[in-house]
Amino acid sequence: MSRRLSVPVQVRFADVDMARHVHNAVYLHWFETGRMALLREVTPPVNDWRTEGLILARNEVDHRRPVHLTDDVSVEVWCGAIGNKSFDLHYVVRRLKDGAHEVCAEGRSVMVCFNYVTDQAIPIPGAWRTALERFVEE
């Protein structure tokens, strides 16, 4: 069973810059699309995000090759290290070209569990941790 979640993303006309490829900031939006798909699998359907939730503490992007307007693109997301209060998510943006899935970008996010009432980082809830473990790939 694959531990990665793959999500198709649409390249919009507005995503393309003057150099005729996808602007670098768009990759963070694609990471978010993958991240939210994974978090829907991890967090309960009813969660009071006003009290307890997540903070995005860090984003990293390594660009490998350009993506263009007509490319078929997907983002893969999986969980790396799981700590006490934080966990890493990893991403690969791929485009389908000539029957092969080429890596266009790779990235990582650090997510911190947070209580918005106390304004403090909190331990990862047990149910979240168990669900995250299904997506761990070292």
N, C-alpha and C. Protein backbone atom coordinates (compact mmCIF):
# COMPACT_ATOMS: atom_id res chain seq x y z
N MET A 1 0.84 -1.19 0.00
CA MET A 1 0.00 0.00 0.00
C MET A 1 0.88 1.25 0.00
N SER A 2 0.55 2.17 -0.86
CA SER A 2 1.31 3.42 -0.92
C SER A 2 1.01 4.28 0.30
N ARG A 3 2.02 4.87 0.84
CA ARG A 3 1.85 5.77 1.97
C ARG A 3 1.70 7.21 1.50
N ARG A 4 1.78 7.42 0.20
CA ARG A 4 1.65 8.76 -0.36
C ARG A 4 0.22 8.97 -0.87
N LEU A 5 -0.23 10.18 -0.70
CA LEU A 5 -1.52 10.59 -1.25
C LEU A 5 -1.21 11.43 -2.48
N SER A 6 -1.82 11.11 -3.61
CA SER A 6 -1.59 11.85 -4.85
C SER A 6 -2.85 12.62 -5.21
N VAL A 7 -2.67 13.91 -5.50
CA VAL A 7 -3.80 14.80 -5.79
C VAL A 7 -3.52 15.52 -7.11
N PRO A 8 -4.45 15.43 -8.08
CA PRO A 8 -4.25 16.20 -9.31
C PRO A 8 -4.44 17.69 -9.04
N VAL A 9 -3.65 18.52 -9.70
CA VAL A 9 -3.82 19.97 -9.59
C VAL A 9 -3.93 20.55 -11.00
N GLN A 10 -4.73 21.58 -11.12
CA GLN A 10 -4.93 22.21 -12.41
C GLN A 10 -4.02 23.42 -12.54
N VAL A 11 -3.32 23.51 -13.65
CA VAL A 11 -2.52 24.69 -13.94
C VAL A 11 -3.46 25.73 -14.54
N ARG A 12 -3.59 26.86 -13.86
CA ARG A 12 -4.47 27.94 -14.33
C ARG A 12 -3.65 28.94 -15.14
N PHE A 13 -4.33 29.65 -16.01
CA PHE A 13 -3.67 30.68 -16.81
C PHE A 13 -2.97 31.69 -15.90
N ALA A 14 -3.62 32.04 -14.79
CA ALA A 14 -3.05 33.02 -13.85
C ALA A 14 -1.81 32.50 -13.14
N ASP A 15 -1.55 31.20 -13.18
CA ASP A 15 -0.38 30.62 -12.53
C ASP A 15 0.91 30.85 -13.32
N VAL A 16 0.76 31.19 -14.59
CA VAL A 16 1.91 31.29 -15.50
C VAL A 16 2.45 32.71 -15.50
N ASP A 17 3.78 32.83 -15.41
CA ASP A 17 4.40 34.16 -15.37
C ASP A 17 4.94 34.56 -16.74
N MET A 18 5.66 35.67 -16.77
CA MET A 18 6.17 36.20 -18.03
C MET A 18 7.17 35.27 -18.72
N ALA A 19 7.77 34.39 -17.97
CA ALA A 19 8.71 33.43 -18.55
C ALA A 19 7.99 32.21 -19.15
N ARG A 20 6.66 32.23 -19.11
CA ARG A 20 5.79 31.20 -19.68
C ARG A 20 5.84 29.87 -18.93
N HIS A 21 6.23 29.93 -17.68
CA HIS A 21 6.11 28.74 -16.84
C HIS A 21 5.42 29.13 -15.55
N VAL A 22 5.06 28.12 -14.75
CA VAL A 22 4.35 28.38 -13.51
C VAL A 22 5.25 29.15 -12.55
N HIS A 23 4.70 30.22 -11.98
CA HIS A 23 5.44 31.08 -11.04
C HIS A 23 5.79 30.29 -9.79
N ASN A 24 6.92 30.59 -9.20
CA ASN A 24 7.42 29.82 -8.05
C ASN A 24 6.47 29.81 -6.86
N ALA A 25 5.72 30.87 -6.63
CA ALA A 25 4.82 30.93 -5.47
C ALA A 25 3.65 29.95 -5.60
N VAL A 26 3.31 29.57 -6.81
CA VAL A 26 2.17 28.68 -7.03
C VAL A 26 2.43 27.30 -6.42
N TYR A 27 3.68 26.89 -6.37
CA TYR A 27 4.00 25.58 -5.82
C TYR A 27 3.54 25.46 -4.37
N LEU A 28 3.62 26.56 -3.63
CA LEU A 28 3.14 26.53 -2.24
C LEU A 28 1.64 26.33 -2.18
N HIS A 29 0.90 26.86 -3.14
CA HIS A 29 -0.54 26.61 -3.22
C HIS A 29 -0.80 25.13 -3.51
N TRP A 30 0.00 24.57 -4.41
CA TRP A 30 -0.17 23.15 -4.71
C TRP A 30 0.18 22.29 -3.51
N PHE A 31 1.21 22.67 -2.76
CA PHE A 31 1.52 21.94 -1.52
C PHE A 31 0.32 22.00 -0.58
N GLU A 32 -0.30 23.17 -0.48
CA GLU A 32 -1.47 23.32 0.39
C GLU A 32 -2.61 22.42 -0.06
N THR A 33 -2.81 22.30 -1.36
CA THR A 33 -3.85 21.41 -1.88
C THR A 33 -3.60 19.97 -1.43
N GLY A 34 -2.37 19.52 -1.55
CA GLY A 34 -2.01 18.18 -1.09
C GLY A 34 -2.13 18.04 0.42
N ARG A 35 -1.65 19.06 1.13
CA ARG A 35 -1.69 19.05 2.60
C ARG A 35 -3.13 18.94 3.10
N MET A 36 -4.04 19.73 2.51
CA MET A 36 -5.42 19.70 2.96
C MET A 36 -6.08 18.36 2.65
N ALA A 37 -5.74 17.74 1.53
CA ALA A 37 -6.27 16.41 1.23
C ALA A 37 -5.80 15.41 2.27
N LEU A 38 -4.54 15.48 2.66
CA LEU A 38 -4.02 14.57 3.68
C LEU A 38 -4.66 14.86 5.04
N LEU A 39 -4.79 16.13 5.39
CA LEU A 39 -5.36 16.47 6.70
C LEU A 39 -6.82 16.06 6.81
N ARG A 40 -7.55 16.04 5.69
CA ARG A 40 -8.93 15.54 5.73
C ARG A 40 -8.96 14.06 6.11
N GLU A 41 -7.88 13.34 5.80
CA GLU A 41 -7.78 11.93 6.17
C GLU A 41 -7.35 11.75 7.63
N VAL A 42 -6.73 12.78 8.19
CA VAL A 42 -6.10 12.68 9.51
C VAL A 42 -6.96 13.27 10.62
N THR A 43 -7.53 14.42 10.39
CA THR A 43 -8.28 15.12 11.43
C THR A 43 -9.74 14.72 11.40
N PRO A 44 -10.43 14.84 12.54
CA PRO A 44 -11.85 14.46 12.58
C PRO A 44 -12.69 15.38 11.70
N PRO A 45 -13.81 14.84 11.17
CA PRO A 45 -14.65 15.67 10.30
C PRO A 45 -15.19 16.90 11.02
N VAL A 46 -15.38 16.78 12.32
CA VAL A 46 -15.84 17.93 13.11
C VAL A 46 -14.71 18.28 14.07
N ASN A 47 -14.10 19.42 13.83
CA ASN A 47 -13.01 19.88 14.70
C ASN A 47 -13.19 21.38 14.89
N ASP A 48 -13.08 21.85 16.11
CA ASP A 48 -13.19 23.28 16.37
C ASP A 48 -11.83 23.92 16.14
N TRP A 49 -11.59 24.33 14.90
CA TRP A 49 -10.30 24.90 14.51
C TRP A 49 -10.04 26.24 15.17
N ARG A 50 -11.04 26.81 15.83
CA ARG A 50 -10.83 28.09 16.54
C ARG A 50 -10.13 27.88 17.87
N THR A 51 -10.16 26.65 18.38
CA THR A 51 -9.50 26.39 19.66
C THR A 51 -8.21 25.58 19.48
N GLU A 52 -8.30 24.47 18.74
CA GLU A 52 -7.11 23.65 18.51
C GLU A 52 -6.95 23.37 17.03
N GLY A 53 -5.73 23.52 16.55
CA GLY A 53 -5.49 23.30 15.14
C GLY A 53 -4.02 23.18 14.84
N LEU A 54 -3.64 23.71 13.70
CA LEU A 54 -2.27 23.59 13.22
C LEU A 54 -1.73 24.93 12.79
N ILE A 55 -0.44 25.08 12.97
CA ILE A 55 0.28 26.25 12.46
C ILE A 55 1.33 25.73 11.48
N LEU A 56 1.41 26.38 10.35
CA LEU A 56 2.45 26.06 9.38
C LEU A 56 3.70 26.82 9.80
N ALA A 57 4.69 26.10 10.31
CA ALA A 57 5.88 26.74 10.87
C ALA A 57 6.99 26.93 9.84
N ARG A 58 7.00 26.09 8.80
CA ARG A 58 8.10 26.18 7.83
C ARG A 58 7.66 25.59 6.50
N ASN A 59 8.11 26.20 5.42
CA ASN A 59 7.92 25.68 4.06
C ASN A 59 9.26 25.69 3.34
N GLU A 60 9.55 24.64 2.60
CA GLU A 60 10.74 24.58 1.76
C GLU A 60 10.32 24.10 0.38
N VAL A 61 10.90 24.68 -0.66
CA VAL A 61 10.64 24.25 -2.04
C VAL A 61 11.96 24.14 -2.78
N ASP A 62 12.17 23.02 -3.43
CA ASP A 62 13.30 22.84 -4.34
C ASP A 62 12.72 22.64 -5.74
N HIS A 63 13.01 23.59 -6.62
CA HIS A 63 12.51 23.53 -7.99
C HIS A 63 13.47 22.71 -8.84
N ARG A 64 12.93 21.75 -9.59
CA ARG A 64 13.74 20.84 -10.41
C ARG A 64 13.63 21.15 -11.90
N ARG A 65 12.39 21.38 -12.37
CA ARG A 65 12.17 21.71 -13.78
C ARG A 65 10.85 22.47 -13.88
N PRO A 66 10.68 23.26 -14.93
CA PRO A 66 9.49 24.10 -15.03
C PRO A 66 8.22 23.31 -15.36
N VAL A 67 7.10 23.88 -14.94
CA VAL A 67 5.77 23.39 -15.31
C VAL A 67 5.15 24.44 -16.21
N HIS A 68 4.46 23.98 -17.25
CA HIS A 68 3.84 24.88 -18.22
C HIS A 68 2.32 24.76 -18.19
N LEU A 69 1.66 25.69 -18.83
CA LEU A 69 0.20 25.80 -18.79
C LEU A 69 -0.51 24.52 -19.18
N THR A 70 -0.05 23.82 -20.16
CA THR A 70 -0.77 22.64 -20.66
C THR A 70 -0.33 21.33 -20.00
N ASP A 71 0.55 21.39 -19.02
CA ASP A 71 1.03 20.16 -18.36
C ASP A 71 -0.04 19.55 -17.46
N ASP A 72 -0.06 18.22 -17.42
CA ASP A 72 -0.87 17.48 -16.44
C ASP A 72 -0.02 17.32 -15.19
N VAL A 73 -0.51 17.85 -14.08
CA VAL A 73 0.30 17.95 -12.86
C VAL A 73 -0.41 17.28 -11.69
N SER A 74 0.37 16.67 -10.82
CA SER A 74 -0.15 16.14 -9.56
C SER A 74 0.85 16.46 -8.45
N VAL A 75 0.34 16.48 -7.24
CA VAL A 75 1.21 16.65 -6.07
C VAL A 75 1.03 15.43 -5.17
N GLU A 76 2.14 14.86 -4.76
CA GLU A 76 2.12 13.75 -3.81
C GLU A 76 2.50 14.31 -2.45
N VAL A 77 1.84 13.82 -1.42
CA VAL A 77 2.14 14.27 -0.06
C VAL A 77 2.19 13.05 0.86
N TRP A 78 3.10 13.10 1.81
CA TRP A 78 3.22 12.06 2.81
C TRP A 78 3.84 12.65 4.06
N CYS A 79 3.81 11.89 5.12
CA CYS A 79 4.33 12.34 6.41
C CYS A 79 5.74 11.80 6.61
N GLY A 80 6.62 12.65 7.09
CA GLY A 80 7.97 12.24 7.44
C GLY A 80 8.04 12.02 8.94
N ALA A 81 8.89 12.75 9.59
CA ALA A 81 9.07 12.62 11.04
C ALA A 81 7.83 13.12 11.79
N ILE A 82 7.48 12.39 12.85
CA ILE A 82 6.41 12.81 13.75
C ILE A 82 7.04 13.02 15.11
N GLY A 83 6.98 14.24 15.60
CA GLY A 83 7.53 14.56 16.91
C GLY A 83 6.45 14.57 17.97
N ASN A 84 6.69 15.25 19.08
CA ASN A 84 5.72 15.36 20.15
C ASN A 84 4.63 16.37 19.80
N LYS A 85 5.04 17.54 19.29
CA LYS A 85 4.09 18.61 18.99
C LYS A 85 4.05 18.98 17.51
N SER A 86 4.93 18.41 16.72
CA SER A 86 5.01 18.78 15.30
C SER A 86 5.24 17.55 14.43
N PHE A 87 4.99 17.74 13.15
CA PHE A 87 5.26 16.68 12.17
C PHE A 87 5.64 17.32 10.85
N ASP A 88 6.39 16.56 10.06
CA ASP A 88 6.82 17.02 8.73
C ASP A 88 5.93 16.43 7.66
N LEU A 89 5.60 17.24 6.67
CA LEU A 89 4.94 16.75 5.46
C LEU A 89 5.90 16.97 4.30
N HIS A 90 5.96 16.00 3.42
CA HIS A 90 6.83 16.06 2.24
C HIS A 90 5.97 16.06 0.99
N TYR A 91 6.49 16.72 -0.04
CA TYR A 91 5.73 16.88 -1.28
C TYR A 91 6.62 16.61 -2.49
N VAL A 92 6.00 16.09 -3.54
CA VAL A 92 6.62 16.01 -4.86
C VAL A 92 5.57 16.47 -5.87
N VAL A 93 5.94 17.46 -6.67
CA VAL A 93 5.10 17.90 -7.78
C VAL A 93 5.62 17.20 -9.03
N ARG A 94 4.72 16.51 -9.72
CA ARG A 94 5.10 15.77 -10.93
C ARG A 94 4.25 16.23 -12.11
N ARG A 95 4.85 16.17 -13.29
CA ARG A 95 4.09 16.39 -14.51
C ARG A 95 4.21 15.14 -15.36
N LEU A 96 3.12 14.83 -16.05
CA LEU A 96 3.12 13.70 -16.97
C LEU A 96 3.62 14.18 -18.32
N LYS A 97 4.73 13.61 -18.76
CA LYS A 97 5.32 14.01 -20.04
C LYS A 97 5.85 12.77 -20.74
N ASP A 98 5.38 12.54 -21.95
CA ASP A 98 5.81 11.39 -22.75
C ASP A 98 5.68 10.08 -21.99
N GLY A 99 4.58 9.93 -21.24
CA GLY A 99 4.31 8.71 -20.50
C GLY A 99 5.06 8.55 -19.20
N ALA A 100 5.90 9.51 -18.86
CA ALA A 100 6.68 9.44 -17.61
C ALA A 100 6.24 10.56 -16.67
N HIS A 101 6.34 10.30 -15.39
CA HIS A 101 6.02 11.30 -14.37
C HIS A 101 7.32 11.97 -13.94
N GLU A 102 7.58 13.16 -14.46
CA GLU A 102 8.80 13.89 -14.15
C GLU A 102 8.64 14.69 -12.86
N VAL A 103 9.67 14.66 -12.02
CA VAL A 103 9.67 15.47 -10.80
C VAL A 103 9.98 16.92 -11.19
N CYS A 104 9.07 17.82 -10.83
CA CYS A 104 9.26 19.25 -11.12
C CYS A 104 9.64 20.04 -9.88
N ALA A 105 9.20 19.58 -8.72
CA ALA A 105 9.55 20.26 -7.47
C ALA A 105 9.40 19.28 -6.32
N GLU A 106 10.16 19.54 -5.27
CA GLU A 106 10.05 18.77 -4.03
C GLU A 106 9.98 19.77 -2.89
N GLY A 107 9.35 19.37 -1.80
CA GLY A 107 9.25 20.31 -0.69
C GLY A 107 8.94 19.63 0.62
N ARG A 108 8.93 20.47 1.63
CA ARG A 108 8.67 20.01 3.00
C ARG A 108 8.00 21.12 3.77
N SER A 109 7.07 20.74 4.64
CA SER A 109 6.44 21.67 5.58
C SER A 109 6.58 21.11 6.98
N VAL A 110 6.72 21.99 7.94
CA VAL A 110 6.68 21.61 9.35
C VAL A 110 5.37 22.14 9.91
N MET A 111 4.56 21.23 10.44
CA MET A 111 3.27 21.57 11.01
C MET A 111 3.33 21.42 12.53
N VAL A 112 2.82 22.42 13.23
CA VAL A 112 2.84 22.42 14.70
C VAL A 112 1.40 22.43 15.20
N CYS A 113 1.08 21.51 16.10
CA CYS A 113 -0.25 21.50 16.73
C CYS A 113 -0.30 22.65 17.72
N PHE A 114 -1.44 23.34 17.75
CA PHE A 114 -1.50 24.60 18.48
C PHE A 114 -2.86 24.79 19.12
N ASN A 115 -2.85 25.31 20.36
CA ASN A 115 -4.07 25.70 21.06
C ASN A 115 -4.20 27.21 20.94
N TYR A 116 -5.23 27.66 20.24
CA TYR A 116 -5.41 29.09 20.00
C TYR A 116 -5.96 29.83 21.21
N VAL A 117 -6.51 29.11 22.18
CA VAL A 117 -7.01 29.74 23.40
C VAL A 117 -5.85 30.07 24.33
N THR A 118 -4.93 29.11 24.51
CA THR A 118 -3.79 29.32 25.40
C THR A 118 -2.59 29.91 24.66
N ASP A 119 -2.66 29.96 23.33
CA ASP A 119 -1.58 30.48 22.50
C ASP A 119 -0.29 29.69 22.71
N GLN A 120 -0.44 28.36 22.78
CA GLN A 120 0.69 27.47 23.04
C GLN A 120 0.68 26.28 22.07
N ALA A 121 1.87 25.80 21.74
CA ALA A 121 1.98 24.54 21.02
C ALA A 121 1.53 23.42 21.95
N ILE A 122 0.87 22.42 21.39
CA ILE A 122 0.34 21.31 22.18
C ILE A 122 0.79 19.98 21.56
N PRO A 123 0.76 18.90 22.35
CA PRO A 123 1.09 17.60 21.78
C PRO A 123 0.10 17.21 20.67
N ILE A 124 0.58 16.45 19.72
CA ILE A 124 -0.28 15.96 18.64
C ILE A 124 -1.35 15.06 19.27
N PRO A 125 -2.64 15.34 19.02
CA PRO A 125 -3.69 14.48 19.57
C PRO A 125 -3.48 13.02 19.13
N GLY A 126 -3.79 12.10 20.04
CA GLY A 126 -3.55 10.68 19.79
C GLY A 126 -4.18 10.16 18.51
N ALA A 127 -5.42 10.53 18.24
CA ALA A 127 -6.10 10.06 17.03
C ALA A 127 -5.42 10.61 15.78
N TRP A 128 -4.95 11.85 15.85
CA TRP A 128 -4.24 12.45 14.71
C TRP A 128 -2.94 11.69 14.46
N ARG A 129 -2.22 11.40 15.56
CA ARG A 129 -0.94 10.70 15.44
C ARG A 129 -1.14 9.33 14.78
N THR A 130 -2.15 8.61 15.24
CA THR A 130 -2.44 7.29 14.67
C THR A 130 -2.75 7.40 13.18
N ALA A 131 -3.55 8.39 12.80
CA ALA A 131 -3.90 8.58 11.39
C ALA A 131 -2.68 9.01 10.58
N LEU A 132 -1.85 9.88 11.14
CA LEU A 132 -0.63 10.33 10.44
C LEU A 132 0.31 9.16 10.16
N GLU A 133 0.38 8.22 11.09
CA GLU A 133 1.29 7.08 10.94
C GLU A 133 1.00 6.26 9.69
N ARG A 134 -0.25 6.32 9.19
CA ARG A 134 -0.59 5.61 7.95
C ARG A 134 0.12 6.21 6.74
N PHE A 135 0.55 7.47 6.86
CA PHE A 135 1.18 8.18 5.75
C PHE A 135 2.68 8.40 5.94
N VAL A 136 3.26 7.75 6.95
CA VAL A 136 4.69 7.93 7.23
C VAL A 136 5.51 7.17 6.20
N GLU A 137 6.47 7.88 5.66
CA GLU A 137 7.44 7.29 4.73
C GLU A 137 8.77 7.96 5.05
N GLU A 138 9.70 7.20 5.51
CA GLU A 138 11.00 7.77 5.90
C GLU A 138 11.87 8.01 4.70
